[in-house]
């Protein structure tokens, strides 16, 4: 499949779609400080537990602070056949 990415501008245009599942990979503390509306907090270190709960027919968007962790998670999920998108630049880009 290959690692897929999405820009903050592209995500803004798609926000509110029932086809999106937003996953915030940051710690619960970082998530509590700020997060995108409708985002689920699934810290990266617990990926082995939550990756099996991802819906198959939805667009999975992975979010972290700067985009590095979401790229790593997208690569890991891609190796297991899960199509997920990394938000380029993470929350930093979203706040722009």
C-alpha atoms as a PDB file:
ATOM      1  CA  UNK A   1       0.000   0.000   0.000  1.00  0.00           C
ATOM      2  CA  UNK A   2       2.619   2.570   1.009  1.00  0.00           C
ATOM      3  CA  UNK A   3       2.529   5.302   3.610  1.00  0.00           C
ATOM      4  CA  UNK A   4      -0.104   7.925   2.927  1.00  0.00           C
ATOM      5  CA  UNK A   5      -0.078  11.505   4.168  1.00  0.00           C
ATOM      6  CA  UNK A   6      -2.547  14.345   4.450  1.00  0.00           C
ATOM      7  CA  UNK A   7      -1.904  18.061   4.900  1.00  0.00           C
ATOM      8  CA  UNK A   8      -3.627  20.240   7.465  1.00  0.00           C
ATOM      9  CA  UNK A   9      -5.430  22.080   4.635  1.00  0.00           C
ATOM     10  CA  UNK A  10      -6.711  18.809   3.156  1.00  0.00           C
ATOM     11  CA  UNK A  11      -7.876  17.615   6.568  1.00  0.00           C
ATOM     12  CA  UNK A  12      -9.670  20.920   7.247  1.00  0.00           C
ATOM     13  CA  UNK A  13     -11.695  20.411   4.057  1.00  0.00           C
ATOM     14  CA  UNK A  14     -12.661  16.888   5.161  1.00  0.00           C
ATOM     15  CA  UNK A  15     -13.436  17.629   8.826  1.00  0.00           C
ATOM     16  CA  UNK A  16     -16.926  16.614   9.823  1.00  0.00           C
ATOM     17  CA  UNK A  17     -17.049  13.713   7.381  1.00  0.00           C
ATOM     18  CA  UNK A  18     -18.517  10.569   8.895  1.00  0.00           C
ATOM     19  CA  UNK A  19     -15.895   8.632   6.919  1.00  0.00           C
ATOM     20  CA  UNK A  20     -12.981   9.955   9.059  1.00  0.00           C
ATOM     21  CA  UNK A  21     -11.514   8.433  12.213  1.00  0.00           C
ATOM     22  CA  UNK A  22      -9.030  10.779  13.901  1.00  0.00           C
ATOM     23  CA  UNK A  23      -6.446   9.128  16.155  1.00  0.00           C
ATOM     24  CA  UNK A  24      -4.274  11.322  18.404  1.00  0.00           C
ATOM     25  CA  UNK A  25      -1.119   9.377  19.221  1.00  0.00           C
ATOM     26  CA  UNK A  26       0.140  11.717  21.930  1.00  0.00           C
ATOM     27  CA  UNK A  27       0.065  11.117  25.684  1.00  0.00           C
ATOM     28  CA  UNK A  28      -3.200  11.616  27.586  1.00  0.00           C
ATOM     29  CA  UNK A  29      -1.741  14.785  29.147  1.00  0.00           C
ATOM     30  CA  UNK A  30      -0.882  16.309  25.776  1.00  0.00           C
ATOM     31  CA  UNK A  31      -4.294  15.274  24.457  1.00  0.00           C
ATOM     32  CA  UNK A  32      -6.083  16.956  27.388  1.00  0.00           C
ATOM     33  CA  UNK A  33      -4.223  20.219  26.717  1.00  0.00           C
ATOM     34  CA  UNK A  34      -5.463  20.385  23.116  1.00  0.00           C
ATOM     35  CA  UNK A  35      -6.782  18.124  20.412  1.00  0.00           C
ATOM     36  CA  UNK A  36      -8.853  18.223  17.263  1.00  0.00           C
ATOM     37  CA  UNK A  37     -12.625  17.856  17.664  1.00  0.00           C
ATOM     38  CA  UNK A  38     -13.784  14.247  17.459  1.00  0.00           C
ATOM     39  CA  UNK A  39     -10.285  12.829  17.968  1.00  0.00           C
ATOM     40  CA  UNK A  40      -9.718   9.576  19.873  1.00  0.00           C
ATOM     41  CA  UNK A  41      -6.674   9.474  22.152  1.00  0.00           C
ATOM     42  CA  UNK A  42      -4.790   6.247  21.379  1.00  0.00           C
ATOM     43  CA  UNK A  43      -1.196   6.739  22.544  1.00  0.00           C
ATOM     44  CA  UNK A  44       1.405   5.286  20.213  1.00  0.00           C
ATOM     45  CA  UNK A  45       2.988   3.137  22.909  1.00  0.00           C
ATOM     46  CA  UNK A  46      -0.282   1.144  23.084  1.00  0.00           C
ATOM     47  CA  UNK A  47      -0.611   0.590  19.320  1.00  0.00           C
ATOM     48  CA  UNK A  48      -0.551  -3.184  19.775  1.00  0.00           C
ATOM     49  CA  UNK A  49      -3.767  -2.975  21.819  1.00  0.00           C
ATOM     50  CA  UNK A  50      -5.799  -0.497  19.758  1.00  0.00           C
ATOM     51  CA  UNK A  51      -4.762  -1.251  16.171  1.00  0.00           C
ATOM     52  CA  UNK A  52      -7.196  -4.176  16.016  1.00  0.00           C
ATOM     53  CA  UNK A  53     -10.139  -1.889  16.826  1.00  0.00           C
ATOM     54  CA  UNK A  54      -9.697   0.378  13.791  1.00  0.00           C
ATOM     55  CA  UNK A  55     -12.660   0.304  11.406  1.00  0.00           C
ATOM     56  CA  UNK A  56     -11.900  -1.127   7.968  1.00  0.00           C
ATOM     57  CA  UNK A  57     -14.016   1.115   5.776  1.00  0.00           C
ATOM     58  CA  UNK A  58     -13.082   4.488   7.272  1.00  0.00           C
ATOM     59  CA  UNK A  59     -10.237   6.882   6.535  1.00  0.00           C
ATOM     60  CA  UNK A  60      -7.826   6.683   9.499  1.00  0.00           C
ATOM     61  CA  UNK A  61      -5.948   9.924  10.226  1.00  0.00           C
ATOM     62  CA  UNK A  62      -3.004   9.691  12.644  1.00  0.00           C
ATOM     63  CA  UNK A  63      -2.009  12.842  14.525  1.00  0.00           C
ATOM     64  CA  UNK A  64       0.944  13.657  16.774  1.00  0.00           C
ATOM     65  CA  UNK A  65       2.774  16.875  17.679  1.00  0.00           C
ATOM     66  CA  UNK A  66       5.055  17.321  14.637  1.00  0.00           C
ATOM     67  CA  UNK A  67       4.224  14.400  12.325  1.00  0.00           C
ATOM     68  CA  UNK A  68       7.167  12.110  13.121  1.00  0.00           C
ATOM     69  CA  UNK A  69       5.303   9.699  15.379  1.00  0.00           C
ATOM     70  CA  UNK A  70       2.304   9.561  13.064  1.00  0.00           C
ATOM     71  CA  UNK A  71       4.605   8.645  10.151  1.00  0.00           C
ATOM     72  CA  UNK A  72       6.105   5.844  12.227  1.00  0.00           C
ATOM     73  CA  UNK A  73       2.635   4.600  13.196  1.00  0.00           C
ATOM     74  CA  UNK A  74       1.390   4.819   9.583  1.00  0.00           C
ATOM     75  CA  UNK A  75       4.372   2.772   8.426  1.00  0.00           C
ATOM     76  CA  UNK A  76       3.779   0.182  11.126  1.00  0.00           C
ATOM     77  CA  UNK A  77       0.077  -0.092  10.314  1.00  0.00           C
ATOM     78  CA  UNK A  78       0.798  -0.222   6.577  1.00  0.00           C
ATOM     79  CA  UNK A  79       3.040  -3.251   7.142  1.00  0.00           C
ATOM     80  CA  UNK A  80       0.013  -4.965   8.667  1.00  0.00           C
ATOM     81  CA  UNK A  81      -2.307  -4.022   5.829  1.00  0.00           C
ATOM     82  CA  UNK A  82      -4.053  -1.088   7.516  1.00  0.00           C
ATOM     83  CA  UNK A  83      -4.407   2.035   5.396  1.00  0.00           C
ATOM     84  CA  UNK A  84      -3.780   5.094   7.568  1.00  0.00           C
ATOM     85  CA  UNK A  85      -2.780   8.680   6.822  1.00  0.00           C
ATOM     86  CA  UNK A  86      -0.192  10.708   8.719  1.00  0.00           C
ATOM     87  CA  UNK A  87      -0.998  14.377   9.281  1.00  0.00           C
ATOM     88  CA  UNK A  88       2.056  16.155   7.880  1.00  0.00           C
ATOM     89  CA  UNK A  89       3.457  18.474  10.535  1.00  0.00           C
ATOM     90  CA  UNK A  90       1.004  17.184  13.155  1.00  0.00           C
ATOM     91  CA  UNK A  91      -0.702  19.531  15.590  1.00  0.00           C
ATOM     92  CA  UNK A  92       2.023  22.102  14.923  1.00  0.00           C
ATOM     93  CA  UNK A  93       0.915  22.358  11.273  1.00  0.00           C
ATOM     94  CA  UNK A  94      -2.766  22.283  12.230  1.00  0.00           C
ATOM     95  CA  UNK A  95      -2.298  25.325  14.495  1.00  0.00           C
ATOM     96  CA  UNK A  96      -0.246  26.829  11.658  1.00  0.00           C
END
